[in-house]
Amino acid sequence: MEECGVTTITKSVTDILNGTIHAVKTILPLEITVDKPSLFTQPFTQHSIGVLIGMTGDVRGRIIIDGDSFVFGKIGEAMFGMALEGEMLESFSGELGNMIAGNLSTFISDKGFEMDITPPTVLVGGAKVYGFSKALKLPIQIQNVGDLMVVLMIEGS
């Protein structure tokens, strides 16, 4: 029985990683390169703007999309054709996280897992995130824009 549980967790982590990469490539209208994910332990230090979204259902945990405000601004400009700043940039960052997590949720459901997402929480300024034992960092480079870091904190059953 335990072996089955480990296999399910490993499969769900692989599916979430693949789904996250798929979602980012689907949502961002820019050329991106995804580096190899790496495992790390708490805390995670978020720098400029981050979006925190919870995952519920068969796959539980949290996603953080972290980057400089400049990077979120350039993504917004590429998507909407205008510069975003201040509250509009923060609002856009939350919506971008929502689009990526929603796309991931659809991808995961196609793999046989039930997953819902919580509304996005936008983190502005430096913050340390605790409350997880292990997480994966997925570094993403966006050509001519900058870097995003997607952090996947997936809870075991």
N, C-alpha and C. Protein backbone atom coordinates (compact mmCIF):
# COMPACT_ATOMS: atom_id res chain seq x y z
N MET A 1 0.82 -1.20 0.00
CA MET A 1 0.00 0.00 0.00
C MET A 1 0.86 1.27 0.00
N GLU A 2 1.86 1.34 0.87
CA GLU A 2 2.73 2.52 0.95
C GLU A 2 3.39 2.80 -0.39
N GLU A 3 3.84 1.74 -1.05
CA GLU A 3 4.49 1.88 -2.35
C GLU A 3 3.57 2.58 -3.35
N CYS A 4 2.30 2.21 -3.33
CA CYS A 4 1.32 2.82 -4.24
C CYS A 4 1.19 4.32 -3.96
N GLY A 5 1.17 4.69 -2.70
CA GLY A 5 1.07 6.10 -2.33
C GLY A 5 2.25 6.90 -2.82
N VAL A 6 3.46 6.35 -2.68
CA VAL A 6 4.68 7.02 -3.14
C VAL A 6 4.64 7.20 -4.65
N THR A 7 4.22 6.17 -5.37
CA THR A 7 4.12 6.25 -6.82
C THR A 7 3.13 7.33 -7.24
N THR A 8 1.99 7.40 -6.55
CA THR A 8 0.98 8.41 -6.87
C THR A 8 1.52 9.81 -6.63
N ILE A 9 2.24 10.02 -5.51
CA ILE A 9 2.80 11.34 -5.22
C ILE A 9 3.84 11.69 -6.28
N THR A 10 4.71 10.74 -6.64
CA THR A 10 5.73 10.99 -7.64
C THR A 10 5.10 11.33 -8.99
N LYS A 11 4.07 10.58 -9.38
CA LYS A 11 3.38 10.85 -10.65
C LYS A 11 2.72 12.22 -10.61
N SER A 12 2.08 12.56 -9.50
CA SER A 12 1.42 13.86 -9.43
C SER A 12 2.44 14.99 -9.49
N VAL A 13 3.61 14.83 -8.85
CA VAL A 13 4.65 15.86 -8.90
C VAL A 13 5.14 16.04 -10.34
N THR A 14 5.39 14.92 -11.03
CA THR A 14 5.83 14.98 -12.43
C THR A 14 4.77 15.65 -13.29
N ASP A 15 3.51 15.27 -13.09
CA ASP A 15 2.42 15.88 -13.86
C ASP A 15 2.29 17.37 -13.56
N ILE A 16 2.48 17.77 -12.30
CA ILE A 16 2.38 19.19 -11.94
C ILE A 16 3.53 19.97 -12.57
N LEU A 17 4.74 19.41 -12.54
CA LEU A 17 5.87 20.08 -13.19
C LEU A 17 5.62 20.25 -14.68
N ASN A 18 5.23 19.17 -15.34
CA ASN A 18 4.95 19.24 -16.78
C ASN A 18 3.80 20.20 -17.06
N GLY A 19 2.77 20.16 -16.23
CA GLY A 19 1.63 21.05 -16.40
C GLY A 19 1.99 22.51 -16.20
N THR A 20 2.89 22.77 -15.23
CA THR A 20 3.33 24.15 -14.98
C THR A 20 4.10 24.68 -16.18
N ILE A 21 5.00 23.87 -16.72
CA ILE A 21 5.77 24.28 -17.90
C ILE A 21 4.82 24.53 -19.08
N HIS A 22 3.87 23.61 -19.27
CA HIS A 22 2.87 23.76 -20.34
C HIS A 22 2.07 25.06 -20.14
N ALA A 23 1.63 25.31 -18.92
CA ALA A 23 0.81 26.50 -18.64
C ALA A 23 1.59 27.79 -18.92
N VAL A 24 2.83 27.84 -18.45
CA VAL A 24 3.63 29.05 -18.67
C VAL A 24 3.85 29.29 -20.16
N LYS A 25 4.16 28.22 -20.90
CA LYS A 25 4.38 28.36 -22.34
C LYS A 25 3.09 28.73 -23.07
N THR A 26 1.96 28.27 -22.57
CA THR A 26 0.66 28.58 -23.18
C THR A 26 0.24 30.02 -22.91
N ILE A 27 0.44 30.49 -21.68
CA ILE A 27 -0.06 31.81 -21.27
C ILE A 27 0.85 32.95 -21.73
N LEU A 28 2.17 32.76 -21.62
CA LEU A 28 3.08 33.86 -21.95
C LEU A 28 3.34 33.93 -23.45
N PRO A 29 3.07 35.09 -24.07
CA PRO A 29 3.28 35.24 -25.51
C PRO A 29 4.73 35.62 -25.83
N LEU A 30 5.67 35.00 -25.11
CA LEU A 30 7.08 35.34 -25.23
C LEU A 30 7.90 34.06 -25.34
N GLU A 31 9.14 34.20 -25.79
CA GLU A 31 10.05 33.06 -25.90
C GLU A 31 10.61 32.75 -24.51
N ILE A 32 10.37 31.51 -24.02
CA ILE A 32 10.85 31.16 -22.70
C ILE A 32 11.75 29.93 -22.72
N THR A 33 12.63 29.87 -21.73
CA THR A 33 13.48 28.71 -21.50
C THR A 33 13.26 28.28 -20.06
N VAL A 34 13.02 27.00 -19.86
CA VAL A 34 12.78 26.47 -18.51
C VAL A 34 14.01 25.67 -18.10
N ASP A 35 14.59 26.05 -16.95
CA ASP A 35 15.73 25.30 -16.42
C ASP A 35 15.24 24.10 -15.63
N LYS A 36 16.19 23.23 -15.29
CA LYS A 36 15.89 22.02 -14.53
C LYS A 36 15.37 22.41 -13.14
N PRO A 37 14.30 21.77 -12.69
CA PRO A 37 13.79 22.06 -11.34
C PRO A 37 14.76 21.56 -10.28
N SER A 38 14.75 22.21 -9.12
CA SER A 38 15.58 21.76 -8.01
C SER A 38 14.76 21.72 -6.73
N LEU A 39 15.10 20.76 -5.88
CA LEU A 39 14.42 20.59 -4.60
C LEU A 39 15.06 21.50 -3.57
N PHE A 40 14.26 22.08 -2.68
CA PHE A 40 14.82 22.87 -1.59
C PHE A 40 13.89 22.81 -0.38
N THR A 41 14.40 23.27 0.76
CA THR A 41 13.60 23.29 1.98
C THR A 41 13.37 24.74 2.38
N GLN A 42 12.45 24.95 3.32
CA GLN A 42 12.07 26.30 3.73
C GLN A 42 13.22 27.05 4.37
N PRO A 43 13.16 28.35 4.45
CA PRO A 43 12.13 29.21 3.88
C PRO A 43 12.43 29.58 2.43
N PHE A 44 11.40 30.07 1.73
CA PHE A 44 11.58 30.64 0.40
C PHE A 44 11.51 32.15 0.57
N THR A 45 12.48 32.86 0.02
CA THR A 45 12.47 34.32 0.11
C THR A 45 11.98 34.89 -1.21
N GLN A 46 10.84 35.56 -1.14
CA GLN A 46 10.23 36.20 -2.29
C GLN A 46 10.77 37.62 -2.33
N HIS A 47 11.06 38.13 -3.52
CA HIS A 47 11.78 39.39 -3.62
C HIS A 47 10.94 40.62 -3.92
N SER A 48 10.41 40.76 -5.11
CA SER A 48 9.76 41.99 -5.51
C SER A 48 8.24 41.82 -5.58
N ILE A 49 7.78 40.97 -6.51
CA ILE A 49 6.35 40.64 -6.60
C ILE A 49 6.22 39.13 -6.68
N GLY A 50 5.30 38.60 -5.93
CA GLY A 50 5.01 37.17 -5.98
C GLY A 50 3.52 36.96 -5.96
N VAL A 51 3.10 35.84 -6.52
CA VAL A 51 1.70 35.47 -6.51
C VAL A 51 1.61 34.10 -5.85
N LEU A 52 0.82 33.99 -4.80
CA LEU A 52 0.63 32.74 -4.08
C LEU A 52 -0.76 32.19 -4.38
N ILE A 53 -0.80 30.94 -4.84
CA ILE A 53 -2.08 30.30 -5.15
C ILE A 53 -2.10 28.93 -4.52
N GLY A 54 -3.17 28.62 -3.81
CA GLY A 54 -3.31 27.31 -3.18
C GLY A 54 -3.89 26.30 -4.16
N MET A 55 -3.50 25.03 -3.95
CA MET A 55 -4.05 23.92 -4.73
C MET A 55 -4.78 23.00 -3.77
N THR A 56 -6.00 22.61 -4.14
CA THR A 56 -6.80 21.71 -3.31
C THR A 56 -7.27 20.54 -4.16
N GLY A 57 -7.82 19.53 -3.50
CA GLY A 57 -8.30 18.34 -4.22
C GLY A 57 -7.31 17.20 -4.05
N ASP A 58 -7.16 16.37 -5.10
CA ASP A 58 -6.22 15.25 -5.07
C ASP A 58 -4.79 15.74 -4.91
N VAL A 59 -4.50 16.89 -5.48
CA VAL A 59 -3.17 17.49 -5.40
C VAL A 59 -3.29 18.73 -4.53
N ARG A 60 -2.61 18.69 -3.37
CA ARG A 60 -2.69 19.81 -2.43
C ARG A 60 -1.33 20.48 -2.28
N GLY A 61 -1.37 21.78 -2.11
CA GLY A 61 -0.13 22.52 -1.91
C GLY A 61 -0.31 23.97 -2.31
N ARG A 62 0.80 24.59 -2.67
CA ARG A 62 0.78 26.00 -3.05
C ARG A 62 1.75 26.22 -4.21
N ILE A 63 1.44 27.23 -5.01
CA ILE A 63 2.31 27.66 -6.10
C ILE A 63 2.65 29.12 -5.82
N ILE A 64 3.92 29.46 -5.99
CA ILE A 64 4.32 30.87 -5.93
C ILE A 64 5.00 31.19 -7.26
N ILE A 65 4.57 32.28 -7.87
CA ILE A 65 5.24 32.78 -9.06
C ILE A 65 5.91 34.08 -8.63
N ASP A 66 7.25 34.10 -8.68
CA ASP A 66 8.03 35.18 -8.11
C ASP A 66 8.89 35.84 -9.18
N GLY A 67 8.95 37.15 -9.16
CA GLY A 67 9.80 37.85 -10.11
C GLY A 67 9.92 39.32 -9.77
N ASP A 68 10.76 40.01 -10.49
CA ASP A 68 10.89 41.46 -10.32
C ASP A 68 9.66 42.13 -10.93
N SER A 69 9.30 43.28 -10.38
CA SER A 69 8.16 44.01 -10.93
C SER A 69 8.42 44.37 -12.40
N PHE A 70 9.68 44.61 -12.75
CA PHE A 70 10.05 44.90 -14.13
C PHE A 70 9.64 43.74 -15.05
N VAL A 71 9.86 42.50 -14.61
CA VAL A 71 9.54 41.32 -15.42
C VAL A 71 8.02 41.20 -15.59
N PHE A 72 7.28 41.33 -14.49
CA PHE A 72 5.82 41.28 -14.60
C PHE A 72 5.32 42.40 -15.50
N GLY A 73 5.95 43.58 -15.40
CA GLY A 73 5.56 44.71 -16.25
C GLY A 73 5.78 44.43 -17.72
N LYS A 74 6.92 43.83 -18.06
CA LYS A 74 7.21 43.50 -19.46
C LYS A 74 6.26 42.42 -19.98
N ILE A 75 5.91 41.46 -19.14
CA ILE A 75 4.93 40.43 -19.55
C ILE A 75 3.59 41.10 -19.82
N GLY A 76 3.16 41.99 -18.92
CA GLY A 76 1.90 42.72 -19.10
C GLY A 76 1.90 43.53 -20.38
N GLU A 77 3.03 44.17 -20.66
CA GLU A 77 3.16 44.98 -21.87
C GLU A 77 3.05 44.09 -23.12
N ALA A 78 3.68 42.91 -23.07
CA ALA A 78 3.61 41.97 -24.21
C ALA A 78 2.19 41.46 -24.41
N MET A 79 1.46 41.27 -23.31
CA MET A 79 0.11 40.71 -23.41
C MET A 79 -0.94 41.77 -23.75
N PHE A 80 -0.75 43.01 -23.26
CA PHE A 80 -1.79 44.03 -23.42
C PHE A 80 -1.36 45.26 -24.22
N GLY A 81 -0.08 45.30 -24.62
CA GLY A 81 0.38 46.40 -25.46
C GLY A 81 0.55 47.72 -24.75
N MET A 82 0.53 47.70 -23.42
CA MET A 82 0.74 48.95 -22.68
C MET A 82 1.48 48.67 -21.39
N ALA A 83 2.21 49.67 -20.92
CA ALA A 83 2.96 49.54 -19.68
C ALA A 83 2.00 49.50 -18.49
N LEU A 84 2.31 48.65 -17.53
CA LEU A 84 1.51 48.55 -16.31
C LEU A 84 2.40 48.92 -15.13
N GLU A 85 1.84 49.66 -14.18
CA GLU A 85 2.60 50.00 -12.97
C GLU A 85 1.66 50.17 -11.79
N GLY A 86 2.24 50.21 -10.61
CA GLY A 86 1.45 50.43 -9.40
C GLY A 86 0.41 49.34 -9.18
N GLU A 87 -0.80 49.78 -8.80
CA GLU A 87 -1.87 48.84 -8.50
C GLU A 87 -2.28 48.01 -9.72
N MET A 88 -2.20 48.60 -10.91
CA MET A 88 -2.54 47.83 -12.12
C MET A 88 -1.55 46.69 -12.33
N LEU A 89 -0.27 46.94 -12.05
CA LEU A 89 0.75 45.90 -12.19
C LEU A 89 0.52 44.80 -11.16
N GLU A 90 0.18 45.18 -9.93
CA GLU A 90 -0.08 44.19 -8.88
C GLU A 90 -1.31 43.36 -9.22
N SER A 91 -2.35 44.01 -9.71
CA SER A 91 -3.56 43.31 -10.11
C SER A 91 -3.28 42.36 -11.28
N PHE A 92 -2.51 42.85 -12.25
CA PHE A 92 -2.15 42.00 -13.39
C PHE A 92 -1.36 40.78 -12.92
N SER A 93 -0.43 40.98 -11.99
CA SER A 93 0.39 39.87 -11.48
C SER A 93 -0.49 38.77 -10.89
N GLY A 94 -1.50 39.16 -10.13
CA GLY A 94 -2.44 38.19 -9.56
C GLY A 94 -3.20 37.46 -10.66
N GLU A 95 -3.63 38.19 -11.67
CA GLU A 95 -4.37 37.57 -12.77
C GLU A 95 -3.48 36.65 -13.59
N LEU A 96 -2.22 37.03 -13.78
CA LEU A 96 -1.27 36.17 -14.49
C LEU A 96 -1.11 34.85 -13.72
N GLY A 97 -0.94 34.94 -12.41
CA GLY A 97 -0.85 33.74 -11.59
C GLY A 97 -2.10 32.89 -11.70
N ASN A 98 -3.25 33.55 -11.70
CA ASN A 98 -4.54 32.87 -11.83
C ASN A 98 -4.64 32.13 -13.17
N MET A 99 -4.19 32.78 -14.26
CA MET A 99 -4.23 32.15 -15.58
C MET A 99 -3.31 30.93 -15.64
N ILE A 100 -2.12 31.06 -15.08
CA ILE A 100 -1.16 29.94 -15.10
C ILE A 100 -1.69 28.79 -14.24
N ALA A 101 -2.16 29.08 -13.04
CA ALA A 101 -2.67 28.03 -12.15
C ALA A 101 -3.95 27.39 -12.72
N GLY A 102 -4.80 28.19 -13.33
CA GLY A 102 -6.02 27.65 -13.94
C GLY A 102 -5.69 26.72 -15.10
N ASN A 103 -4.72 27.10 -15.91
CA ASN A 103 -4.28 26.25 -17.01
C ASN A 103 -3.66 24.96 -16.47
N LEU A 104 -2.88 25.08 -15.39
CA LEU A 104 -2.30 23.91 -14.74
C LEU A 104 -3.39 22.98 -14.22
N SER A 105 -4.41 23.55 -13.60
CA SER A 105 -5.53 22.77 -13.06
C SER A 105 -6.22 21.95 -14.16
N THR A 106 -6.42 22.56 -15.32
CA THR A 106 -7.02 21.87 -16.46
C THR A 106 -6.11 20.75 -16.95
N PHE A 107 -4.82 21.03 -17.04
CA PHE A 107 -3.83 20.04 -17.48
C PHE A 107 -3.85 18.83 -16.53
N ILE A 108 -3.86 19.10 -15.22
CA ILE A 108 -3.83 18.04 -14.21
C ILE A 108 -5.12 17.20 -14.26
N SER A 109 -6.25 17.84 -14.49
CA SER A 109 -7.51 17.09 -14.57
C SER A 109 -7.51 16.15 -15.77
N ASP A 110 -6.83 16.54 -16.84
CA ASP A 110 -6.70 15.67 -18.01
C ASP A 110 -5.84 14.45 -17.70
N LYS A 111 -5.03 14.53 -16.63
CA LYS A 111 -4.17 13.41 -16.21
C LYS A 111 -4.85 12.53 -15.16
N GLY A 112 -6.10 12.85 -14.84
CA GLY A 112 -6.86 12.02 -13.91
C GLY A 112 -6.85 12.48 -12.47
N PHE A 113 -6.29 13.66 -12.21
CA PHE A 113 -6.29 14.21 -10.85
C PHE A 113 -7.31 15.32 -10.75
N GLU A 114 -7.96 15.43 -9.60
CA GLU A 114 -8.85 16.55 -9.35
C GLU A 114 -8.06 17.63 -8.64
N MET A 115 -8.10 18.83 -9.19
CA MET A 115 -7.37 19.94 -8.55
C MET A 115 -8.13 21.23 -8.75
N ASP A 116 -8.34 21.94 -7.66
CA ASP A 116 -8.93 23.28 -7.71
C ASP A 116 -7.88 24.26 -7.21
N ILE A 117 -8.07 25.52 -7.53
CA ILE A 117 -7.13 26.55 -7.08
C ILE A 117 -7.86 27.60 -6.25
N THR A 118 -7.12 28.22 -5.35
CA THR A 118 -7.69 29.31 -4.54
C THR A 118 -7.44 30.62 -5.27
N PRO A 119 -8.16 31.67 -4.90
CA PRO A 119 -7.88 32.98 -5.50
C PRO A 119 -6.43 33.39 -5.20
N PRO A 120 -5.82 34.14 -6.11
CA PRO A 120 -4.41 34.53 -5.92
C PRO A 120 -4.23 35.54 -4.80
N THR A 121 -3.12 35.41 -4.09
CA THR A 121 -2.69 36.40 -3.12
C THR A 121 -1.42 37.02 -3.68
N VAL A 122 -1.42 38.34 -3.86
CA VAL A 122 -0.25 39.03 -4.41
C VAL A 122 0.63 39.47 -3.25
N LEU A 123 1.91 39.12 -3.33
CA LEU A 123 2.90 39.49 -2.31
C LEU A 123 3.80 40.57 -2.92
N VAL A 124 3.88 41.72 -2.27
CA VAL A 124 4.69 42.82 -2.78
C VAL A 124 5.76 43.15 -1.75
N GLY A 125 6.99 43.31 -2.21
CA GLY A 125 8.10 43.57 -1.30
C GLY A 125 8.69 42.24 -0.85
N GLY A 126 9.71 42.28 -0.04
CA GLY A 126 10.36 41.05 0.41
C GLY A 126 9.52 40.29 1.41
N ALA A 127 9.47 38.98 1.26
CA ALA A 127 8.75 38.13 2.20
C ALA A 127 9.43 36.78 2.28
N LYS A 128 9.40 36.17 3.45
CA LYS A 128 9.88 34.80 3.61
C LYS A 128 8.68 33.91 3.79
N VAL A 129 8.64 32.81 3.05
CA VAL A 129 7.51 31.89 3.11
C VAL A 129 7.97 30.62 3.82
N TYR A 130 7.25 30.27 4.88
CA TYR A 130 7.51 29.06 5.65
C TYR A 130 6.30 28.15 5.55
N GLY A 131 6.33 27.00 6.23
CA GLY A 131 5.15 26.16 6.32
C GLY A 131 5.12 25.03 5.31
N PHE A 132 6.29 24.63 4.83
CA PHE A 132 6.36 23.49 3.91
C PHE A 132 7.65 22.75 4.24
N SER A 133 7.69 21.45 3.96
CA SER A 133 8.90 20.70 4.26
C SER A 133 9.83 20.65 3.06
N LYS A 134 9.27 20.42 1.88
CA LYS A 134 10.08 20.39 0.66
C LYS A 134 9.31 21.08 -0.45
N ALA A 135 10.05 21.65 -1.37
CA ALA A 135 9.42 22.32 -2.50
C ALA A 135 10.35 22.22 -3.71
N LEU A 136 9.79 22.50 -4.86
CA LEU A 136 10.56 22.52 -6.10
C LEU A 136 10.61 23.94 -6.64
N LYS A 137 11.80 24.36 -7.06
CA LYS A 137 11.97 25.64 -7.74
C LYS A 137 12.10 25.36 -9.22
N LEU A 138 11.34 26.07 -10.02
CA LEU A 138 11.38 25.93 -11.47
C LEU A 138 11.77 27.28 -12.07
N PRO A 139 13.07 27.46 -12.40
CA PRO A 139 13.52 28.74 -12.95
C PRO A 139 13.10 28.89 -14.42
N ILE A 140 12.59 30.07 -14.75
CA ILE A 140 12.13 30.35 -16.11
C ILE A 140 12.78 31.64 -16.60
N GLN A 141 13.46 31.55 -17.75
CA GLN A 141 14.04 32.74 -18.37
C GLN A 141 13.13 33.16 -19.53
N ILE A 142 12.81 34.44 -19.56
CA ILE A 142 11.99 34.98 -20.63
C ILE A 142 12.88 35.86 -21.48
N GLN A 143 13.01 35.48 -22.74
CA GLN A 143 13.93 36.18 -23.64
C GLN A 143 13.63 37.66 -23.72
N ASN A 144 14.67 38.48 -23.57
CA ASN A 144 14.60 39.94 -23.62
C ASN A 144 13.72 40.56 -22.53
N VAL A 145 13.38 39.78 -21.48
CA VAL A 145 12.54 40.29 -20.41
C VAL A 145 13.21 40.09 -19.05
N GLY A 146 13.52 38.84 -18.70
CA GLY A 146 14.11 38.55 -17.40
C GLY A 146 13.67 37.18 -16.90
N ASP A 147 13.77 36.98 -15.60
CA ASP A 147 13.51 35.67 -15.00
C ASP A 147 12.29 35.68 -14.10
N LEU A 148 11.62 34.53 -14.10
CA LEU A 148 10.57 34.23 -13.13
C LEU A 148 10.99 32.96 -12.39
N MET A 149 10.56 32.82 -11.16
CA MET A 149 10.77 31.58 -10.43
C MET A 149 9.40 31.05 -10.03
N VAL A 150 9.11 29.81 -10.44
CA VAL A 150 7.88 29.17 -10.02
C VAL A 150 8.26 28.19 -8.92
N VAL A 151 7.60 28.32 -7.78
CA VAL A 151 7.86 27.45 -6.64
C VAL A 151 6.63 26.58 -6.43
N LEU A 152 6.84 25.27 -6.40
CA LEU A 152 5.76 24.31 -6.20
C LEU A 152 5.94 23.64 -4.85
N MET A 153 5.02 23.91 -3.93
CA MET A 153 5.04 23.27 -2.62
C MET A 153 3.91 22.25 -2.61
N ILE A 154 4.25 20.98 -2.82
CA ILE A 154 3.24 19.95 -2.97
C ILE A 154 3.21 19.11 -1.70
N GLU A 155 2.03 18.98 -1.11
CA GLU A 155 1.88 18.22 0.13
C GLU A 155 1.70 16.75 -0.19
N GLY A 156 2.36 15.89 0.57
CA GLY A 156 2.16 14.45 0.45
C GLY A 156 0.86 14.06 1.14
N SER A 157 0.39 12.84 0.87
CA SER A 157 -0.87 12.44 1.51
C SER A 157 -0.59 11.72 2.80
